[in-house]
Amino acid sequence: MEIFVQSRGISVDYGYNWVDENQVIVEKPNILNKFIDLLQESSSLLIARDNKNKQLLLVVTGIPSARRDYQNRTIFISVAWILKDDDVNEAKIRNLASKILLSKIFLHDTDEIE
């Protein structure tokens, strides 16, 4: 499993970048380029399959951070999980996606879900 996070720095010199699990700035993961038009800057959740490369993708965008930028705006985070396409990983991705959809972080709502 590979995990990538997109965020920005708080100063004007640091825009939005993707970083890998080692907190190294990387190019946008290739699989994301195939599905980028389906995502919004606001809250989005996407599960996708790349049959050619046998990969599964889960992307969540628009996660509000506690951090603020230089103009006191909320910094939003995106997270991408990339896994080998198989039945076990598909179940993991779907389970994680359902938890994210039910979370307060994704819903931006203070109401409890019963």
N, C-alpha and C. Protein backbone atom coordinates (compact mmCIF):
# COMPACT_ATOMS: atom_id res chain seq x y z
N MET A 1 0.85 -1.17 0.00
CA MET A 1 0.00 0.00 0.00
C MET A 1 0.89 1.23 0.00
N GLU A 2 0.52 2.18 -0.85
CA GLU A 2 1.19 3.47 -0.86
C GLU A 2 0.17 4.51 -0.40
N ILE A 3 0.64 5.46 0.38
CA ILE A 3 -0.22 6.54 0.87
C ILE A 3 0.44 7.86 0.51
N PHE A 4 -0.34 8.77 -0.06
CA PHE A 4 0.14 10.10 -0.42
C PHE A 4 -0.81 11.13 0.18
N VAL A 5 -0.25 12.25 0.60
CA VAL A 5 -1.04 13.34 1.18
C VAL A 5 -0.71 14.61 0.42
N GLN A 6 -1.76 15.37 0.11
CA GLN A 6 -1.56 16.68 -0.52
C GLN A 6 -1.95 17.74 0.49
N SER A 7 -1.04 18.67 0.74
CA SER A 7 -1.31 19.77 1.66
C SER A 7 -0.46 20.95 1.22
N ARG A 8 -0.53 22.02 1.97
CA ARG A 8 0.27 23.19 1.64
C ARG A 8 0.95 23.70 2.89
N GLY A 9 1.98 24.50 2.69
CA GLY A 9 2.64 25.15 3.80
C GLY A 9 1.87 26.38 4.23
N ILE A 10 2.27 26.94 5.35
CA ILE A 10 1.53 28.11 5.84
C ILE A 10 2.03 29.41 5.23
N SER A 11 3.22 29.43 4.61
CA SER A 11 3.71 30.67 4.03
C SER A 11 3.31 30.77 2.56
N VAL A 12 3.42 31.95 2.01
CA VAL A 12 3.06 32.19 0.62
C VAL A 12 3.96 31.41 -0.34
N ASP A 13 5.16 31.05 0.11
CA ASP A 13 6.12 30.35 -0.75
C ASP A 13 5.83 28.86 -0.91
N TYR A 14 4.92 28.31 -0.13
CA TYR A 14 4.69 26.88 -0.15
C TYR A 14 3.24 26.58 -0.55
N GLY A 15 3.06 26.23 -1.81
CA GLY A 15 1.74 25.89 -2.31
C GLY A 15 1.41 24.43 -2.02
N TYR A 16 0.35 23.95 -2.64
CA TYR A 16 -0.07 22.56 -2.44
C TYR A 16 0.88 21.60 -3.14
N ASN A 17 1.31 20.56 -2.42
CA ASN A 17 2.19 19.53 -2.95
C ASN A 17 1.73 18.17 -2.44
N TRP A 18 2.05 17.14 -3.21
CA TRP A 18 1.85 15.76 -2.76
C TRP A 18 3.12 15.31 -2.06
N VAL A 19 2.97 14.61 -0.94
CA VAL A 19 4.11 14.02 -0.24
C VAL A 19 3.82 12.54 -0.03
N ASP A 20 4.91 11.76 0.01
CA ASP A 20 4.75 10.33 0.23
C ASP A 20 4.82 10.01 1.72
N GLU A 21 4.86 8.74 2.05
CA GLU A 21 4.86 8.31 3.45
C GLU A 21 6.10 8.77 4.21
N ASN A 22 7.16 9.10 3.49
CA ASN A 22 8.39 9.58 4.12
C ASN A 22 8.44 11.10 4.18
N GLN A 23 7.32 11.74 3.87
CA GLN A 23 7.18 13.20 3.85
C GLN A 23 8.11 13.87 2.84
N VAL A 24 8.32 13.17 1.72
CA VAL A 24 9.11 13.69 0.62
C VAL A 24 8.14 14.19 -0.45
N ILE A 25 8.36 15.40 -0.96
CA ILE A 25 7.51 15.93 -2.03
C ILE A 25 7.70 15.09 -3.28
N VAL A 26 6.58 14.66 -3.86
CA VAL A 26 6.59 13.82 -5.06
C VAL A 26 5.64 14.40 -6.10
N GLU A 27 5.77 13.91 -7.31
CA GLU A 27 4.80 14.24 -8.35
C GLU A 27 3.46 13.60 -7.97
N LYS A 28 2.40 14.13 -8.52
CA LYS A 28 1.09 13.52 -8.32
C LYS A 28 1.16 12.07 -8.79
N PRO A 29 0.67 11.12 -7.97
CA PRO A 29 0.70 9.71 -8.39
C PRO A 29 0.03 9.53 -9.75
N ASN A 30 0.65 8.72 -10.63
CA ASN A 30 0.17 8.54 -12.01
C ASN A 30 -1.29 8.12 -12.08
N ILE A 31 -1.70 7.22 -11.21
CA ILE A 31 -3.08 6.74 -11.26
C ILE A 31 -4.07 7.88 -11.03
N LEU A 32 -3.66 8.89 -10.27
CA LEU A 32 -4.54 10.04 -10.03
C LEU A 32 -4.81 10.83 -11.30
N ASN A 33 -3.83 10.90 -12.18
CA ASN A 33 -4.01 11.65 -13.43
C ASN A 33 -5.16 11.10 -14.26
N LYS A 34 -5.43 9.80 -14.16
CA LYS A 34 -6.51 9.19 -14.94
C LYS A 34 -7.89 9.58 -14.44
N PHE A 35 -7.97 9.96 -13.16
CA PHE A 35 -9.28 10.20 -12.55
C PHE A 35 -9.44 11.61 -11.99
N ILE A 36 -8.46 12.48 -12.21
CA ILE A 36 -8.44 13.80 -11.58
C ILE A 36 -9.68 14.64 -11.94
N ASP A 37 -10.22 14.43 -13.14
CA ASP A 37 -11.39 15.21 -13.55
C ASP A 37 -12.65 14.83 -12.78
N LEU A 38 -12.63 13.70 -12.08
CA LEU A 38 -13.78 13.27 -11.30
C LEU A 38 -13.79 13.84 -9.89
N LEU A 39 -12.67 14.47 -9.50
CA LEU A 39 -12.54 14.99 -8.14
C LEU A 39 -12.83 16.47 -8.09
N GLN A 40 -13.30 16.92 -6.94
CA GLN A 40 -13.53 18.33 -6.70
C GLN A 40 -12.56 18.79 -5.63
N GLU A 41 -12.31 20.09 -5.60
CA GLU A 41 -11.46 20.63 -4.54
C GLU A 41 -12.17 20.54 -3.20
N SER A 42 -13.50 20.65 -3.23
CA SER A 42 -14.26 20.48 -2.00
C SER A 42 -14.32 18.99 -1.69
N SER A 43 -15.04 18.60 -0.70
CA SER A 43 -15.06 17.21 -0.26
C SER A 43 -15.47 16.25 -1.38
N SER A 44 -14.58 15.31 -1.66
CA SER A 44 -14.84 14.25 -2.64
C SER A 44 -14.27 12.95 -2.11
N LEU A 45 -14.88 11.87 -2.51
CA LEU A 45 -14.34 10.54 -2.22
C LEU A 45 -14.48 9.74 -3.51
N LEU A 46 -13.40 9.11 -3.92
CA LEU A 46 -13.38 8.35 -5.17
C LEU A 46 -12.71 7.01 -4.94
N ILE A 47 -13.37 5.96 -5.37
CA ILE A 47 -12.76 4.63 -5.45
C ILE A 47 -12.67 4.32 -6.94
N ALA A 48 -11.46 3.95 -7.38
CA ALA A 48 -11.26 3.68 -8.81
C ALA A 48 -10.35 2.48 -8.99
N ARG A 49 -10.47 1.87 -10.16
CA ARG A 49 -9.66 0.71 -10.51
C ARG A 49 -8.93 1.02 -11.81
N ASP A 50 -7.63 0.76 -11.81
CA ASP A 50 -6.82 0.87 -13.02
C ASP A 50 -6.49 -0.55 -13.46
N ASN A 51 -7.26 -1.06 -14.41
CA ASN A 51 -7.08 -2.45 -14.85
C ASN A 51 -5.73 -2.68 -15.51
N LYS A 52 -5.24 -1.70 -16.23
CA LYS A 52 -3.97 -1.86 -16.94
C LYS A 52 -2.82 -2.11 -15.96
N ASN A 53 -2.77 -1.33 -14.88
CA ASN A 53 -1.69 -1.45 -13.90
C ASN A 53 -2.08 -2.29 -12.68
N LYS A 54 -3.29 -2.83 -12.71
CA LYS A 54 -3.79 -3.68 -11.61
C LYS A 54 -3.66 -2.99 -10.25
N GLN A 55 -4.24 -1.75 -10.19
CA GLN A 55 -4.19 -0.97 -8.97
C GLN A 55 -5.59 -0.52 -8.58
N LEU A 56 -5.79 -0.38 -7.27
CA LEU A 56 -6.99 0.23 -6.71
C LEU A 56 -6.60 1.58 -6.12
N LEU A 57 -7.53 2.52 -6.19
CA LEU A 57 -7.27 3.87 -5.70
C LEU A 57 -8.43 4.33 -4.83
N LEU A 58 -8.11 4.90 -3.70
CA LEU A 58 -9.08 5.61 -2.87
C LEU A 58 -8.52 7.01 -2.66
N VAL A 59 -9.29 8.01 -3.02
CA VAL A 59 -8.87 9.41 -2.83
C VAL A 59 -9.96 10.13 -2.06
N VAL A 60 -9.53 10.89 -1.07
CA VAL A 60 -10.43 11.75 -0.31
C VAL A 60 -9.86 13.16 -0.39
N THR A 61 -10.69 14.12 -0.80
CA THR A 61 -10.24 15.51 -0.90
C THR A 61 -11.08 16.39 0.03
N GLY A 62 -10.57 17.58 0.29
CA GLY A 62 -11.32 18.57 1.06
C GLY A 62 -11.39 18.31 2.55
N ILE A 63 -10.39 17.64 3.11
CA ILE A 63 -10.37 17.40 4.55
C ILE A 63 -9.83 18.66 5.22
N PRO A 64 -10.62 19.31 6.07
CA PRO A 64 -10.13 20.54 6.70
C PRO A 64 -9.04 20.25 7.73
N SER A 65 -8.03 21.06 7.73
CA SER A 65 -6.92 20.94 8.67
C SER A 65 -7.10 21.97 9.78
N ALA A 66 -6.47 21.75 10.89
CA ALA A 66 -6.46 22.74 11.97
C ALA A 66 -5.50 23.88 11.62
N ARG A 67 -4.64 23.65 10.63
CA ARG A 67 -3.66 24.65 10.23
C ARG A 67 -4.29 25.72 9.35
N ARG A 68 -3.70 26.91 9.39
CA ARG A 68 -4.15 28.04 8.58
C ARG A 68 -2.98 28.53 7.75
N ASP A 69 -3.29 29.09 6.57
CA ASP A 69 -2.22 29.63 5.74
C ASP A 69 -1.91 31.08 6.15
N TYR A 70 -1.07 31.72 5.37
CA TYR A 70 -0.61 33.07 5.69
C TYR A 70 -1.73 34.11 5.67
N GLN A 71 -2.86 33.81 5.04
CA GLN A 71 -4.01 34.71 5.03
C GLN A 71 -5.12 34.23 5.95
N ASN A 72 -4.75 33.34 6.87
CA ASN A 72 -5.67 32.79 7.87
C ASN A 72 -6.81 31.96 7.26
N ARG A 73 -6.56 31.37 6.10
CA ARG A 73 -7.54 30.48 5.47
C ARG A 73 -7.26 29.05 5.91
N THR A 74 -8.31 28.25 6.00
CA THR A 74 -8.15 26.84 6.34
C THR A 74 -7.37 26.14 5.24
N ILE A 75 -6.42 25.31 5.64
CA ILE A 75 -5.68 24.48 4.69
C ILE A 75 -6.43 23.15 4.59
N PHE A 76 -6.73 22.74 3.36
CA PHE A 76 -7.44 21.48 3.12
C PHE A 76 -6.46 20.42 2.65
N ILE A 77 -6.72 19.19 3.05
CA ILE A 77 -5.84 18.08 2.77
C ILE A 77 -6.55 17.07 1.86
N SER A 78 -5.77 16.44 1.00
CA SER A 78 -6.25 15.30 0.21
C SER A 78 -5.36 14.11 0.55
N VAL A 79 -5.96 12.92 0.55
CA VAL A 79 -5.21 11.69 0.83
C VAL A 79 -5.53 10.69 -0.27
N ALA A 80 -4.49 10.00 -0.76
CA ALA A 80 -4.65 8.96 -1.77
C ALA A 80 -4.01 7.67 -1.27
N TRP A 81 -4.78 6.60 -1.32
CA TRP A 81 -4.29 5.26 -1.00
C TRP A 81 -4.25 4.49 -2.31
N ILE A 82 -3.12 3.86 -2.61
CA ILE A 82 -2.98 3.06 -3.83
C ILE A 82 -2.57 1.65 -3.40
N LEU A 83 -3.36 0.67 -3.85
CA LEU A 83 -3.13 -0.72 -3.48
C LEU A 83 -3.16 -1.61 -4.71
N LYS A 84 -2.56 -2.77 -4.57
CA LYS A 84 -2.64 -3.81 -5.60
C LYS A 84 -4.10 -4.24 -5.72
N ASP A 85 -4.58 -4.41 -6.95
CA ASP A 85 -5.97 -4.78 -7.19
C ASP A 85 -6.18 -6.27 -6.93
N ASP A 86 -6.79 -6.58 -5.79
CA ASP A 86 -7.22 -7.94 -5.49
C ASP A 86 -8.44 -7.86 -4.57
N ASP A 87 -9.07 -9.00 -4.34
CA ASP A 87 -10.31 -9.01 -3.56
C ASP A 87 -10.12 -8.52 -2.12
N VAL A 88 -9.01 -8.90 -1.49
CA VAL A 88 -8.76 -8.50 -0.11
C VAL A 88 -8.58 -6.98 -0.02
N ASN A 89 -7.78 -6.41 -0.91
CA ASN A 89 -7.56 -4.96 -0.89
C ASN A 89 -8.81 -4.19 -1.27
N GLU A 90 -9.62 -4.75 -2.17
CA GLU A 90 -10.87 -4.07 -2.51
C GLU A 90 -11.78 -3.99 -1.28
N ALA A 91 -11.85 -5.06 -0.51
CA ALA A 91 -12.65 -5.04 0.72
C ALA A 91 -12.10 -4.02 1.70
N LYS A 92 -10.78 -3.93 1.81
CA LYS A 92 -10.16 -2.94 2.71
C LYS A 92 -10.51 -1.51 2.28
N ILE A 93 -10.39 -1.25 0.97
CA ILE A 93 -10.69 0.09 0.45
C ILE A 93 -12.14 0.46 0.69
N ARG A 94 -13.05 -0.46 0.42
CA ARG A 94 -14.48 -0.18 0.61
C ARG A 94 -14.80 0.05 2.09
N ASN A 95 -14.17 -0.72 2.97
CA ASN A 95 -14.36 -0.55 4.40
C ASN A 95 -13.85 0.81 4.86
N LEU A 96 -12.67 1.18 4.42
CA LEU A 96 -12.10 2.48 4.78
C LEU A 96 -12.97 3.61 4.23
N ALA A 97 -13.43 3.47 3.00
CA ALA A 97 -14.28 4.51 2.40
C ALA A 97 -15.57 4.69 3.18
N SER A 98 -16.17 3.59 3.62
CA SER A 98 -17.42 3.72 4.38
C SER A 98 -17.17 4.42 5.71
N LYS A 99 -16.05 4.13 6.36
CA LYS A 99 -15.72 4.80 7.62
C LYS A 99 -15.49 6.29 7.41
N ILE A 100 -14.82 6.63 6.31
CA ILE A 100 -14.57 8.04 6.00
C ILE A 100 -15.88 8.77 5.74
N LEU A 101 -16.76 8.15 4.96
CA LEU A 101 -18.04 8.80 4.65
C LEU A 101 -18.88 9.04 5.89
N LEU A 102 -18.74 8.19 6.88
CA LEU A 102 -19.50 8.34 8.12
C LEU A 102 -18.79 9.20 9.16
N SER A 103 -17.59 9.65 8.86
CA SER A 103 -16.82 10.41 9.85
C SER A 103 -17.23 11.88 9.87
N LYS A 104 -17.03 12.49 11.01
CA LYS A 104 -17.29 13.92 11.14
C LYS A 104 -16.32 14.73 10.30
N ILE A 105 -15.11 14.23 10.11
CA ILE A 105 -14.12 14.96 9.33
C ILE A 105 -14.61 15.16 7.91
N PHE A 106 -15.16 14.12 7.31
CA PHE A 106 -15.61 14.23 5.93
C PHE A 106 -16.91 15.01 5.82
N LEU A 107 -17.80 14.81 6.78
CA LEU A 107 -19.11 15.45 6.72
C LEU A 107 -19.06 16.93 7.08
N HIS A 108 -18.02 17.38 7.77
CA HIS A 108 -17.93 18.78 8.24
C HIS A 108 -19.15 19.15 9.06
N ASP A 109 -19.67 18.23 9.80
CA ASP A 109 -20.91 18.47 10.52
C ASP A 109 -20.69 18.14 11.99
N THR A 110 -21.34 18.89 12.85
CA THR A 110 -21.18 18.64 14.28
C THR A 110 -22.23 17.68 14.80
N ASP A 111 -23.20 17.32 13.96
CA ASP A 111 -24.24 16.40 14.39
C ASP A 111 -23.72 14.98 14.43
N GLU A 112 -24.09 14.25 15.43
CA GLU A 112 -23.70 12.85 15.55
C GLU A 112 -24.53 12.01 14.56
N ILE A 113 -23.89 11.01 13.99
CA ILE A 113 -24.60 10.05 13.15
C ILE A 113 -24.99 8.89 14.03
N GLU A 114 -26.25 8.58 14.03
CA GLU A 114 -26.75 7.50 14.89
C GLU A 114 -26.65 6.19 14.18
